[in-house]
Amino acid sequence: MEPATADFLKALASETRQKVLQQFTGGIELTVSEVAERCALKPSTASEHLSLLRRGGLRTPRRRDARPLWRTAEAGSGRTAP
């Protein structure tokens, strides 16, 4: 299995990560703290889930005032879904 495919499947394999994904409906951008609050997670746990979603090509961060804002990854940017 290709590493990108494995990363994508791993990103979707967790119910918690699926819940995190749902927070981005409508193309909104959220900080790690906002994701943590919405999903009842510790910020460190939310950060780990977002990192796995980034590796899977599903979320991408951008910097604003030294804080990353997370958003839906655009097709063709970095790894994409198989």
Protein backbone atom coordinates (compact mmCIF):
# COMPACT_ATOMS: atom_id res chain seq x y z
CA MET A 1 0.00 0.00 0.00
CA GLU A 2 1.26 3.47 -0.85
CA PRO A 3 2.24 5.56 2.21
CA ALA A 4 -0.17 8.36 1.18
CA THR A 5 -3.03 5.86 1.01
CA ALA A 6 -2.14 4.42 4.41
CA ASP A 7 -2.00 7.94 5.92
CA PHE A 8 -5.39 8.79 4.41
CA LEU A 9 -7.03 5.62 5.75
CA LYS A 10 -5.45 6.08 9.18
CA ALA A 11 -6.82 9.63 9.30
CA LEU A 12 -10.36 8.36 8.72
CA ALA A 13 -10.12 5.29 10.97
CA SER A 14 -10.85 7.13 14.23
CA GLU A 15 -14.33 8.22 15.33
CA THR A 16 -12.70 11.13 17.15
CA ARG A 17 -10.96 12.30 13.96
CA GLN A 18 -14.27 11.98 12.12
CA LYS A 19 -15.81 14.26 14.75
CA VAL A 20 -12.91 16.70 14.30
CA LEU A 21 -13.49 16.68 10.53
CA GLN A 22 -17.16 17.58 11.03
CA GLN A 23 -16.17 20.79 12.81
CA PHE A 24 -14.91 22.26 9.53
CA THR A 25 -18.26 22.15 7.72
CA GLY A 26 -18.75 25.25 5.62
CA GLY A 27 -15.04 25.89 5.09
CA ILE A 28 -14.42 27.56 8.45
CA GLU A 29 -10.94 27.81 9.97
CA LEU A 30 -10.32 26.88 13.60
CA THR A 31 -7.45 27.01 16.05
CA VAL A 32 -6.37 23.91 17.95
CA SER A 33 -8.03 25.34 21.07
CA GLU A 34 -11.32 25.83 19.23
CA VAL A 35 -11.24 22.26 17.91
CA ALA A 36 -10.42 20.99 21.41
CA GLU A 37 -13.34 22.90 22.93
CA ARG A 38 -15.85 21.84 20.27
CA CYS A 39 -14.83 18.17 20.55
CA ALA A 40 -14.31 18.05 24.34
CA LEU A 41 -10.61 17.19 23.95
CA LYS A 42 -7.42 18.40 25.56
CA PRO A 43 -5.58 20.80 23.23
CA SER A 44 -2.65 18.36 22.97
CA THR A 45 -5.03 15.59 21.89
CA ALA A 46 -6.74 17.85 19.35
CA SER A 47 -3.32 18.81 17.99
CA GLU A 48 -2.35 15.15 17.52
CA HIS A 49 -5.59 14.42 15.66
CA LEU A 50 -5.11 17.47 13.43
CA SER A 51 -1.55 16.34 12.66
CA LEU A 52 -2.81 12.92 11.58
CA LEU A 53 -5.49 14.58 9.44
CA ARG A 54 -2.80 16.75 7.84
CA ARG A 55 -0.67 13.67 7.07
CA GLY A 56 -3.75 12.11 5.51
CA GLY A 57 -4.24 15.15 3.27
CA LEU A 58 -7.54 16.20 4.86
CA ARG A 59 -6.59 19.33 6.80
CA THR A 60 -3.92 21.98 6.40
CA PRO A 61 -2.73 24.74 8.72
CA ARG A 62 -1.98 28.36 7.86
CA ARG A 63 -0.42 30.89 10.21
CA ARG A 64 -2.22 33.92 11.60
CA ASP A 65 -0.56 35.93 14.35
CA ALA A 66 1.87 33.05 15.06
CA ARG A 67 -1.05 30.63 15.60
CA PRO A 68 -2.01 28.00 13.08
CA LEU A 69 -5.55 28.10 11.77
CA TRP A 70 -6.70 24.73 10.48
CA ARG A 71 -8.89 24.36 7.40
CA THR A 72 -9.94 21.84 4.78
CA ALA A 73 -7.02 20.88 2.55
CA GLU A 74 -7.41 21.95 -1.06
CA ALA A 75 -7.15 19.32 -3.76
CA GLY A 76 -3.64 19.27 -5.15
CA SER A 77 -2.01 20.82 -2.08
CA GLY A 78 0.39 18.33 -0.57
CA ARG A 79 -0.93 14.83 -0.16
CA THR A 80 -4.36 14.19 -1.51
CA ALA A 81 -6.83 11.42 -0.94
CA PRO A 82 -6.34 8.32 -3.08
